[in-house]
């Protein structure tokens, strides 16, 4: 399976429905990006224990008391995507706050 990047709830639901209908076991690793070897071990375990590994990269603004810290948080999507692909991840979930936290979407 080639690694995919999805950005919407609708895309995620389609992927999950397809995997479930094929009887696939799905694992999920939530992250905020800026990936390191600790993340890699989690992803590799997820890959080993499941048919499909989904990793989210979401910098959640509610986790920051200081907006300057949020703005300074490292974001290296290209680097993180290569890192995840090398660890065997099949799907990256790259939501935005509005798309995933708004109950009307």
C-alpha atoms as a PDB file:
ATOM      1  CA  UNK A   1       0.000   0.000   0.000  1.00  0.00           C
ATOM      2  CA  UNK A   2       1.306   3.443  -0.918  1.00  0.00           C
ATOM      3  CA  UNK A   3       1.160   5.955   1.908  1.00  0.00           C
ATOM      4  CA  UNK A   4      -1.704   8.430   1.560  1.00  0.00           C
ATOM      5  CA  UNK A   5      -2.284  11.808   3.153  1.00  0.00           C
ATOM      6  CA  UNK A   6      -5.875  12.694   3.957  1.00  0.00           C
ATOM      7  CA  UNK A   7      -7.227  15.953   5.321  1.00  0.00           C
ATOM      8  CA  UNK A   8     -10.981  15.668   5.842  1.00  0.00           C
ATOM      9  CA  UNK A   9     -13.368  13.664   7.990  1.00  0.00           C
ATOM     10  CA  UNK A  10     -15.093  12.467   4.842  1.00  0.00           C
ATOM     11  CA  UNK A  11     -11.844  11.090   3.383  1.00  0.00           C
ATOM     12  CA  UNK A  12     -11.031   9.426   6.702  1.00  0.00           C
ATOM     13  CA  UNK A  13     -14.477   7.829   6.912  1.00  0.00           C
ATOM     14  CA  UNK A  14     -14.188   6.471   3.361  1.00  0.00           C
ATOM     15  CA  UNK A  15     -10.774   4.956   4.134  1.00  0.00           C
ATOM     16  CA  UNK A  16     -11.915   3.428   7.421  1.00  0.00           C
ATOM     17  CA  UNK A  17     -15.115   2.034   5.900  1.00  0.00           C
ATOM     18  CA  UNK A  18     -13.139   0.461   3.060  1.00  0.00           C
ATOM     19  CA  UNK A  19     -10.596  -1.067   5.435  1.00  0.00           C
ATOM     20  CA  UNK A  20     -13.287  -2.396   7.775  1.00  0.00           C
ATOM     21  CA  UNK A  21     -15.304  -3.891   4.912  1.00  0.00           C
ATOM     22  CA  UNK A  22     -12.131  -5.726   3.868  1.00  0.00           C
ATOM     23  CA  UNK A  23     -11.756  -7.078   7.407  1.00  0.00           C
ATOM     24  CA  UNK A  24      -8.584  -5.085   8.053  1.00  0.00           C
ATOM     25  CA  UNK A  25      -7.344  -4.330  11.559  1.00  0.00           C
ATOM     26  CA  UNK A  26      -6.630  -0.584  11.928  1.00  0.00           C
ATOM     27  CA  UNK A  27      -4.140   1.017  14.308  1.00  0.00           C
ATOM     28  CA  UNK A  28      -3.885   4.703  15.144  1.00  0.00           C
ATOM     29  CA  UNK A  29      -0.990   6.798  16.459  1.00  0.00           C
ATOM     30  CA  UNK A  30      -1.873  10.429  17.309  1.00  0.00           C
ATOM     31  CA  UNK A  31       0.994  12.947  17.121  1.00  0.00           C
ATOM     32  CA  UNK A  32       1.667  16.655  16.893  1.00  0.00           C
ATOM     33  CA  UNK A  33       4.406  16.155  14.318  1.00  0.00           C
ATOM     34  CA  UNK A  34       8.069  17.041  14.930  1.00  0.00           C
ATOM     35  CA  UNK A  35       8.586  13.281  14.922  1.00  0.00           C
ATOM     36  CA  UNK A  36      11.498  11.507  16.616  1.00  0.00           C
ATOM     37  CA  UNK A  37      12.636   7.973  17.448  1.00  0.00           C
ATOM     38  CA  UNK A  38      10.026   7.638  20.212  1.00  0.00           C
ATOM     39  CA  UNK A  39       7.315   8.183  17.612  1.00  0.00           C
ATOM     40  CA  UNK A  40       9.028   5.729  15.279  1.00  0.00           C
ATOM     41  CA  UNK A  41       8.853   2.953  17.858  1.00  0.00           C
ATOM     42  CA  UNK A  42       5.109   3.599  18.316  1.00  0.00           C
ATOM     43  CA  UNK A  43       4.501   3.568  14.564  1.00  0.00           C
ATOM     44  CA  UNK A  44       6.558   0.419  14.043  1.00  0.00           C
ATOM     45  CA  UNK A  45       4.597  -1.347  16.794  1.00  0.00           C
ATOM     46  CA  UNK A  46       1.326  -0.163  15.267  1.00  0.00           C
ATOM     47  CA  UNK A  47       2.447  -1.479  11.860  1.00  0.00           C
ATOM     48  CA  UNK A  48       3.457  -4.832  13.404  1.00  0.00           C
ATOM     49  CA  UNK A  49       0.145  -5.268  15.239  1.00  0.00           C
ATOM     50  CA  UNK A  50      -2.278  -4.050  12.552  1.00  0.00           C
ATOM     51  CA  UNK A  51      -3.014  -4.361   8.860  1.00  0.00           C
ATOM     52  CA  UNK A  52      -3.104  -0.582   8.460  1.00  0.00           C
ATOM     53  CA  UNK A  53      -1.374   2.143  10.461  1.00  0.00           C
ATOM     54  CA  UNK A  54      -2.900   5.618  10.532  1.00  0.00           C
ATOM     55  CA  UNK A  55      -0.839   8.438  12.057  1.00  0.00           C
ATOM     56  CA  UNK A  56      -2.315  11.847  12.713  1.00  0.00           C
ATOM     57  CA  UNK A  57      -0.288  15.022  12.698  1.00  0.00           C
ATOM     58  CA  UNK A  58      -2.273  17.739  14.418  1.00  0.00           C
ATOM     59  CA  UNK A  59      -0.854  20.650  16.372  1.00  0.00           C
ATOM     60  CA  UNK A  60      -3.747  21.248  18.743  1.00  0.00           C
ATOM     61  CA  UNK A  61      -3.984  24.930  19.690  1.00  0.00           C
ATOM     62  CA  UNK A  62      -5.844  24.079  22.906  1.00  0.00           C
ATOM     63  CA  UNK A  63      -2.665  22.452  24.236  1.00  0.00           C
ATOM     64  CA  UNK A  64      -0.822  25.768  24.290  1.00  0.00           C
ATOM     65  CA  UNK A  65      -1.376  28.459  26.916  1.00  0.00           C
ATOM     66  CA  UNK A  66       0.841  30.864  25.017  1.00  0.00           C
ATOM     67  CA  UNK A  67       0.062  31.613  21.365  1.00  0.00           C
ATOM     68  CA  UNK A  68       3.757  32.340  20.762  1.00  0.00           C
ATOM     69  CA  UNK A  69       4.568  28.743  21.730  1.00  0.00           C
ATOM     70  CA  UNK A  70       1.941  27.519  19.269  1.00  0.00           C
ATOM     71  CA  UNK A  71       3.419  29.653  16.505  1.00  0.00           C
ATOM     72  CA  UNK A  72       6.949  28.421  17.295  1.00  0.00           C
ATOM     73  CA  UNK A  73       6.025  24.721  17.393  1.00  0.00           C
ATOM     74  CA  UNK A  74       8.071  22.972  14.685  1.00  0.00           C
ATOM     75  CA  UNK A  75       6.163  21.904  11.592  1.00  0.00           C
ATOM     76  CA  UNK A  76       8.074  19.790   9.082  1.00  0.00           C
ATOM     77  CA  UNK A  77       5.429  17.886   7.139  1.00  0.00           C
ATOM     78  CA  UNK A  78       7.706  16.714   4.319  1.00  0.00           C
ATOM     79  CA  UNK A  79      10.287  15.438   6.789  1.00  0.00           C
ATOM     80  CA  UNK A  80       7.632  13.833   8.999  1.00  0.00           C
ATOM     81  CA  UNK A  81       5.974  12.147   5.989  1.00  0.00           C
ATOM     82  CA  UNK A  82       9.280  10.593   4.882  1.00  0.00           C
ATOM     83  CA  UNK A  83       9.929   9.508   8.462  1.00  0.00           C
ATOM     84  CA  UNK A  84       6.504   7.859   8.711  1.00  0.00           C
ATOM     85  CA  UNK A  85       6.810   6.166   5.342  1.00  0.00           C
ATOM     86  CA  UNK A  86      10.164   4.671   6.379  1.00  0.00           C
ATOM     87  CA  UNK A  87       8.491   3.318   9.533  1.00  0.00           C
ATOM     88  CA  UNK A  88       5.763   1.602   7.483  1.00  0.00           C
ATOM     89  CA  UNK A  89       2.861   4.013   8.013  1.00  0.00           C
ATOM     90  CA  UNK A  90       0.188   3.669   5.329  1.00  0.00           C
ATOM     91  CA  UNK A  91      -1.973   6.710   6.013  1.00  0.00           C
ATOM     92  CA  UNK A  92      -1.346  10.166   7.449  1.00  0.00           C
ATOM     93  CA  UNK A  93      -4.290  12.093   8.815  1.00  0.00           C
ATOM     94  CA  UNK A  94      -3.528  15.799   8.508  1.00  0.00           C
ATOM     95  CA  UNK A  95      -6.608  17.571   9.875  1.00  0.00           C
ATOM     96  CA  UNK A  96      -7.130  21.242  10.499  1.00  0.00           C
ATOM     97  CA  UNK A  97      -8.876  22.430  13.610  1.00  0.00           C
ATOM     98  CA  UNK A  98     -11.939  23.681  11.750  1.00  0.00           C
ATOM     99  CA  UNK A  99     -12.420  20.558   9.666  1.00  0.00           C
ATOM    100  CA  UNK A 100     -12.289  18.103  12.549  1.00  0.00           C
ATOM    101  CA  UNK A 101     -13.443  20.003  15.606  1.00  0.00           C
ATOM    102  CA  UNK A 102     -16.507  21.658  14.069  1.00  0.00           C
ATOM    103  CA  UNK A 103     -19.450  19.288  14.623  1.00  0.00           C
ATOM    104  CA  UNK A 104     -21.236  20.493  11.464  1.00  0.00           C
ATOM    105  CA  UNK A 105     -18.431  19.258   9.141  1.00  0.00           C
END
